[in-house]
Structure formats: C-alpha cells, structure tokens
Amino acid sequence: MIGAGVEGAGMDMDLSGKTALVTGGGRGNGRATALELARHGADVVVNDLDPDVAEDTAALIREETSSDAEGVGADVSDQAEVQAMVERGVEELGNIDILVNNAGVGNAGPFLDEDYDSDFQLNVDVHIMGSIYCTRAVVDGMVEEGYGKIINITSIHTKNSVGMSPQYDVGKWGLKGLTKSLALELGQEGIRVNAVAPGWVDTRMTEGFSEEVAQQIKDLNPLGTFAQPEDIANGVTFLAAPASDYVNGHELRVDGGQIPIIDWSLDNR
C-alpha cells in the first residue's frame, strides 16, 4: 500500500516565528494574503498606499488571529518610503522572513493612446522598481539568516497577453524576469524566489469590466468563474511555507486553467 507506515505525513504550512511583509496588503488579493499568512502563524507588516487601509487589515489580523500585525503606509515606487517602512516593520515585528511583492496598478490601454507613456512609467515604477526596492530593503536580513521567501505577484498576462494592455504586460513580464534571475542568485544564500500568477480575480481591478467582457472571460475558463482573493492567498501561503522549500524560480499559475484569448478590441473595452 503506497504510503503505508508513514505517520503524520503532510505539508508543513506552519509559519510561526516568521514575519511577513505584504505590499498592497490593504485590499483584494493583498488583504486576503496577509490574513492567510497570519492564520498560519506569521506576524505581518501590512503595507498600503493609504495608511488607514493598511491599518484596517492589520487590526483585522490582530482581532481574528493569534498573530501580530502592523499597518504601514508607503509608496513602493519611492525607495526612501520603502526603506522607512521596512525599518519600522523590523523594529515592531522583527526581521522580515517573507516578502510578498503584491502592490500593483491596472493602468493600461492601447499603445496608440496619447497618454501611453505615463501608463508605461507607472507600471514599471510600481511592478518592477517597487519590487526591486522592497527586495533590496529586506534581502540583507534574509542573507544574514540564511533563509527567506520572496513571492512576486505576476499575472496570467505572462503566459499570453490579452492585448490592449502593453503597459501592464511590460510591468508583469519584467517582474517575472526578475523572479527567475533572483532565484538563481539568491538561492545560493538560502532565499527562495517564486511568483504567483493570478488569473482574473473578483477584485476592484475587474469591477469595471462590462458584463459582456466579464462573461467572455468566464466562458473561457474551465471552472466558469473568476477567482476569489482567497484562492491567490492560498498559492502565496504555500510558497511562503516550509512545504515549498525546494521550490525556487517557479511561477505558480492560479488561473483555473484560463484560456487567455479575449476579444479585447478597441470596440470591446
């Protein structure tokens, strides 16, 4: 019988004694992730651009779990603000063992739009440079400890662009490349760098879709629905936990098997 004689076998998902930093943790996927990490024992530094929103999630963690939490407002595209955020988090909760680069923007549109350049810059500043700044701010502590987990939130777009969003694609593809490269370098220091690539999730980013587009997306998904933020949080938590210690440089797709072909024409946005 397969597995006979193995007692207590199972995945180690215990994060007790660890401190996590979740950027963009005040709402949506970030909020669900911060809560799920806390439920598994991690103390959590919750970041959001709005400090009040960050503290709301932190307060919920303190209320609903046995973990501690600190809400910190900071713009991840500002290196000085990132450094101050990490210093405060370390002072309050201890060395950052888990970093979730979740903060993101959805600004995108056709390349021929007149304001395409500002949208490109924003996506690069938040998705790529923001993740670099946050990683740079926590990595020395991880190297000193000889262990760490960095999870970058990419997108279904890194499998196949849906079109009409080159700005967003550049940001997320860049973040995927950063994940792969840092996994090679930092893995030698005991730091695992992975990514979670969400499909279409029921968050503020999809609220503006027309009923036609929303239904088209659901029709192209074998599961026939949007993901919930908790689905993404579960994937992140697995990559943060000891159960995934031999996983490095991987992009975990949490998309329900989505077929990424959508009629995102100029007339159907």
Protein backbone atom coordinates (compact mmCIF):
# COMPACT_ATOMS: atom_id res chain seq x y z
CA MET A 1 0.00 0.00 0.00
CA ILE A 2 1.51 3.33 -1.03
CA GLY A 3 2.35 5.47 1.96
CA ALA A 4 1.79 2.69 4.50
CA GLY A 5 3.76 3.12 7.68
CA VAL A 6 4.19 6.88 7.32
CA GLU A 7 2.67 8.57 10.32
CA GLY A 8 1.92 12.27 10.47
CA ALA A 9 2.98 12.84 6.88
CA GLY A 10 1.75 16.05 5.34
CA MET A 11 2.74 19.51 4.19
CA ASP A 12 4.44 21.78 6.71
CA MET A 13 2.50 25.04 6.48
CA ASP A 14 3.50 26.42 9.88
CA LEU A 15 4.77 30.00 9.73
CA SER A 16 5.08 30.54 13.47
CA GLY A 17 8.02 32.72 14.37
CA LYS A 18 8.17 34.28 10.88
CA THR A 19 7.45 37.87 9.89
CA ALA A 20 5.94 38.69 6.51
CA LEU A 21 5.70 41.95 4.60
CA VAL A 22 2.79 42.15 2.17
CA THR A 23 2.78 45.18 -0.11
CA GLY A 24 -0.59 46.38 -1.33
CA GLY A 25 -1.96 44.41 1.61
CA GLY A 26 -4.90 46.64 2.43
CA ARG A 27 -7.34 45.37 -0.18
CA GLY A 28 -8.11 42.50 -2.53
CA ASN A 29 -5.50 39.81 -3.03
CA GLY A 30 -3.09 41.51 -0.65
CA ARG A 31 -5.58 41.67 2.18
CA ALA A 32 -6.54 38.02 1.74
CA THR A 33 -2.85 37.06 1.62
CA ALA A 34 -1.97 38.99 4.77
CA LEU A 35 -4.82 37.29 6.63
CA GLU A 36 -3.93 33.81 5.38
CA LEU A 37 -0.27 34.17 6.32
CA ALA A 38 -1.34 35.31 9.78
CA ARG A 39 -3.69 32.35 10.16
CA HIS A 40 -0.68 30.11 9.58
CA GLY A 41 1.25 31.84 12.34
CA ALA A 42 3.20 34.68 10.68
CA ASP A 43 3.29 38.18 12.07
CA VAL A 44 2.53 40.58 9.23
CA VAL A 45 3.61 44.04 8.17
CA VAL A 46 0.70 45.22 6.05
CA ASN A 47 1.59 47.89 3.52
CA ASP A 48 -0.76 50.05 1.51
CA LEU A 49 -0.52 53.42 -0.19
CA ASP A 50 -3.28 54.51 2.22
CA PRO A 51 -2.07 54.06 5.82
CA ASP A 52 -5.63 53.85 7.16
CA VAL A 53 -6.45 50.98 4.81
CA ALA A 54 -3.23 49.22 5.82
CA GLU A 55 -4.07 49.57 9.49
CA ASP A 56 -7.63 48.28 8.92
CA THR A 57 -6.21 44.99 7.64
CA ALA A 58 -3.63 44.89 10.43
CA ALA A 59 -6.36 45.41 13.03
CA LEU A 60 -8.40 42.58 11.49
CA ILE A 61 -5.38 40.27 11.75
CA ARG A 62 -4.90 41.13 15.41
CA GLU A 63 -8.61 40.58 16.04
CA GLU A 64 -9.12 37.32 14.14
CA THR A 65 -5.77 35.52 14.60
CA SER A 66 -3.14 34.97 17.26
CA SER A 67 -0.57 36.80 15.12
CA ASP A 68 0.63 40.38 15.49
CA ALA A 69 0.37 42.91 12.68
CA GLU A 70 1.46 46.44 11.86
CA GLY A 71 -0.12 48.63 9.19
CA VAL A 72 2.32 50.90 7.37
CA GLY A 73 1.53 53.38 4.62
CA ALA A 74 4.16 53.72 1.90
CA ASP A 75 4.50 54.18 -1.85
CA VAL A 76 6.57 51.22 -3.05
CA SER A 77 7.81 53.22 -6.03
CA ASP A 78 9.57 55.59 -3.61
CA GLN A 79 12.79 53.98 -2.33
CA ALA A 80 13.04 56.22 0.73
CA GLU A 81 9.48 55.37 1.79
CA VAL A 82 10.17 51.66 1.28
CA GLN A 83 13.28 51.82 3.46
CA ALA A 84 11.40 53.64 6.22
CA MET A 85 8.56 51.09 6.00
CA VAL A 86 10.91 48.13 6.36
CA GLU A 87 12.80 49.74 9.23
CA ARG A 88 9.54 50.30 11.08
CA GLY A 89 8.36 46.76 10.38
CA VAL A 90 11.62 45.25 11.62
CA GLU A 91 11.52 47.42 14.73
CA GLU A 92 7.94 46.41 15.57
CA LEU A 93 7.82 42.75 14.47
CA GLY A 94 11.35 41.57 13.77
CA ASN A 95 13.40 40.64 10.71
CA ILE A 96 11.39 40.16 7.50
CA ASP A 97 11.45 36.46 6.58
CA ILE A 98 8.75 36.56 3.88
CA LEU A 99 8.24 39.30 1.29
CA VAL A 100 5.15 39.36 -0.91
CA ASN A 101 5.52 41.93 -3.70
CA ASN A 102 1.81 42.33 -4.36
CA ALA A 103 1.37 46.09 -4.82
CA GLY A 104 0.13 46.76 -8.32
CA VAL A 105 -1.67 49.06 -10.71
CA GLY A 106 -4.01 48.31 -13.57
CA ASN A 107 -3.41 51.38 -15.72
CA ALA A 108 -3.30 50.23 -19.33
CA GLY A 109 -4.74 50.82 -22.75
CA PRO A 110 -3.88 50.75 -26.45
CA PHE A 111 -0.33 51.67 -27.37
CA LEU A 112 -1.75 54.34 -29.69
CA ASP A 113 -3.41 56.23 -26.83
CA GLU A 114 -1.84 59.64 -26.38
CA ASP A 115 -1.02 59.10 -22.68
CA TYR A 116 0.55 55.67 -23.15
CA ASP A 117 3.94 56.87 -21.85
CA SER A 118 2.71 57.80 -18.37
CA ASP A 119 0.97 54.43 -18.01
CA PHE A 120 4.16 52.62 -19.02
CA GLN A 121 6.16 54.56 -16.47
CA LEU A 122 3.65 53.88 -13.68
CA ASN A 123 3.64 50.13 -14.36
CA VAL A 124 7.42 49.99 -14.38
CA ASP A 125 7.70 52.13 -11.25
CA VAL A 126 5.25 50.04 -9.21
CA HIS A 127 5.58 46.47 -10.51
CA ILE A 128 9.29 46.37 -11.28
CA MET A 129 11.06 49.13 -9.36
CA GLY A 130 8.74 48.77 -6.37
CA SER A 131 9.55 45.07 -6.14
CA ILE A 132 13.26 45.80 -6.52
CA TYR A 133 13.18 48.44 -3.76
CA CYS A 134 11.29 46.16 -1.37
CA THR A 135 13.57 43.20 -2.10
CA ARG A 136 16.69 45.32 -1.68
CA ALA A 137 15.37 46.60 1.69
CA VAL A 138 14.80 43.12 3.18
CA VAL A 139 17.37 40.92 1.48
CA ASP A 140 20.36 41.69 3.73
CA GLY A 141 18.42 40.41 6.74
CA MET A 142 17.49 37.26 4.85
CA VAL A 143 21.10 36.69 3.81
CA GLU A 144 22.20 37.09 7.41
CA GLU A 145 19.65 34.49 8.50
CA GLY A 146 20.47 32.20 5.57
CA TYR A 147 16.78 31.84 4.76
CA GLY A 148 13.95 33.78 3.22
CA LYS A 149 10.96 33.61 0.90
CA ILE A 150 10.20 36.22 -1.76
CA ILE A 151 6.94 35.85 -3.68
CA ASN A 152 6.22 38.19 -6.58
CA ILE A 153 2.69 38.57 -7.90
CA THR A 154 2.80 38.39 -11.69
CA SER A 155 -0.23 37.70 -13.89
CA ILE A 156 -1.95 35.46 -16.42
CA HIS A 157 -0.53 38.01 -18.89
CA THR A 158 2.90 36.38 -18.55
CA LYS A 159 1.53 33.32 -20.36
CA ASN A 160 -0.08 35.16 -23.23
CA SER A 161 -1.07 38.80 -23.48
CA VAL A 162 -4.77 39.51 -23.82
CA GLY A 163 -4.00 42.61 -25.87
CA MET A 164 -4.69 46.32 -25.37
CA SER A 165 -2.52 46.35 -22.24
CA PRO A 166 1.16 46.61 -23.24
CA GLN A 167 1.91 48.81 -20.23
CA TYR A 168 0.65 46.21 -17.75
CA ASP A 169 2.32 43.41 -19.69
CA VAL A 170 5.71 45.13 -19.56
CA GLY A 171 5.39 45.52 -15.78
CA LYS A 172 4.38 41.92 -15.14
CA TRP A 173 6.79 40.34 -17.65
CA GLY A 174 9.57 42.37 -16.10
CA LEU A 175 8.60 41.09 -12.67
CA LYS A 176 8.63 37.52 -13.96
CA GLY A 177 12.14 38.04 -15.34
CA LEU A 178 13.25 39.47 -12.00
CA THR A 179 11.85 36.39 -10.26
CA LYS A 180 13.79 33.99 -12.46
CA SER A 181 17.04 35.92 -12.21
CA LEU A 182 16.95 36.45 -8.43
CA ALA A 183 16.07 32.80 -7.86
CA LEU A 184 19.43 31.85 -9.39
CA GLU A 185 21.43 34.39 -7.40
CA LEU A 186 19.65 34.42 -4.05
CA GLY A 187 19.02 30.69 -3.96
CA GLN A 188 22.71 30.37 -3.14
CA GLU A 189 22.00 32.37 0.02
CA GLY A 190 19.12 30.15 1.10
CA ILE A 191 16.47 32.54 -0.24
CA ARG A 192 13.72 31.12 -2.45
CA VAL A 193 12.24 33.49 -5.05
CA ASN A 194 9.00 32.47 -6.72
CA ALA A 195 5.91 34.03 -8.26
CA VAL A 196 2.17 33.57 -8.21
CA ALA A 197 0.40 34.38 -11.47
CA PRO A 198 -3.28 35.09 -10.80
CA GLY A 199 -5.91 34.76 -13.44
CA TRP A 200 -8.94 37.02 -13.37
CA VAL A 201 -9.86 37.72 -9.75
CA ASP A 202 -13.01 39.22 -8.26
CA THR A 203 -11.39 42.46 -7.05
CA ARG A 204 -11.60 46.18 -7.76
CA MET A 205 -9.44 45.65 -10.87
CA THR A 206 -12.19 43.64 -12.57
CA GLU A 207 -15.18 45.61 -11.29
CA GLY A 208 -15.06 47.97 -14.26
CA PHE A 209 -15.48 45.22 -16.86
CA SER A 210 -18.63 45.27 -18.92
CA GLU A 211 -20.97 42.31 -18.44
CA GLU A 212 -20.08 41.15 -21.95
CA VAL A 213 -16.34 41.07 -21.27
CA ALA A 214 -16.78 39.53 -17.81
CA GLN A 215 -18.92 36.73 -19.24
CA GLN A 216 -16.46 36.13 -22.07
CA ILE A 217 -13.66 35.68 -19.54
CA LYS A 218 -15.76 33.23 -17.53
CA ASP A 219 -16.72 31.29 -20.65
CA LEU A 220 -13.03 30.80 -21.48
CA ASN A 221 -12.30 29.38 -18.04
CA PRO A 222 -12.91 25.64 -17.44
CA LEU A 223 -14.16 26.49 -13.94
CA GLY A 224 -16.55 29.10 -15.32
CA THR A 225 -15.87 31.85 -12.78
CA PHE A 226 -13.48 34.48 -11.52
CA ALA A 227 -11.06 33.51 -8.78
CA GLN A 228 -11.57 34.86 -5.28
CA PRO A 229 -8.75 36.68 -3.45
CA GLU A 230 -8.52 33.73 -1.06
CA ASP A 231 -7.52 31.48 -3.98
CA ILE A 232 -4.50 33.66 -4.65
CA ALA A 233 -3.70 33.85 -0.94
CA ASN A 234 -3.59 30.07 -0.72
CA GLY A 235 -1.00 29.89 -3.51
CA VAL A 236 1.15 32.56 -1.86
CA THR A 237 0.94 30.85 1.52
CA PHE A 238 2.14 27.55 0.04
CA LEU A 239 5.19 29.27 -1.47
CA ALA A 240 5.85 31.07 1.83
CA ALA A 241 5.66 27.88 3.92
CA PRO A 242 8.35 25.26 4.65
CA ALA A 243 6.36 22.82 2.47
CA SER A 244 7.76 24.58 -0.62
CA ASP A 245 11.38 24.90 0.50
CA TYR A 246 12.64 23.07 -2.61
CA VAL A 247 10.61 25.24 -4.98
CA ASN A 248 12.67 28.08 -6.46
CA GLY A 249 12.30 30.19 -9.61
CA HIS A 250 8.78 28.88 -10.20
CA GLU A 251 5.70 30.77 -11.37
CA LEU A 252 2.63 29.18 -9.83
CA ARG A 253 -0.40 29.86 -12.00
CA VAL A 254 -3.64 30.25 -10.08
CA ASP A 255 -5.97 30.86 -13.01
CA GLY A 256 -8.44 27.96 -13.13
CA GLY A 257 -6.91 26.81 -16.43
CA GLN A 258 -7.89 30.05 -18.15
CA ILE A 259 -7.57 30.22 -21.92
CA PRO A 260 -6.04 33.70 -22.28
CA ILE A 261 -7.70 34.67 -25.54
CA ILE A 262 -10.17 37.52 -25.14
CA ASP A 263 -11.78 39.83 -27.67
CA TRP A 264 -10.23 42.94 -26.21
CA SER A 265 -10.63 45.01 -29.34
CA LEU A 266 -10.85 48.77 -29.41
CA ASP A 267 -14.63 48.48 -29.60
CA ASN A 268 -14.95 46.00 -26.75
CA ARG A 269 -13.03 47.57 -23.88
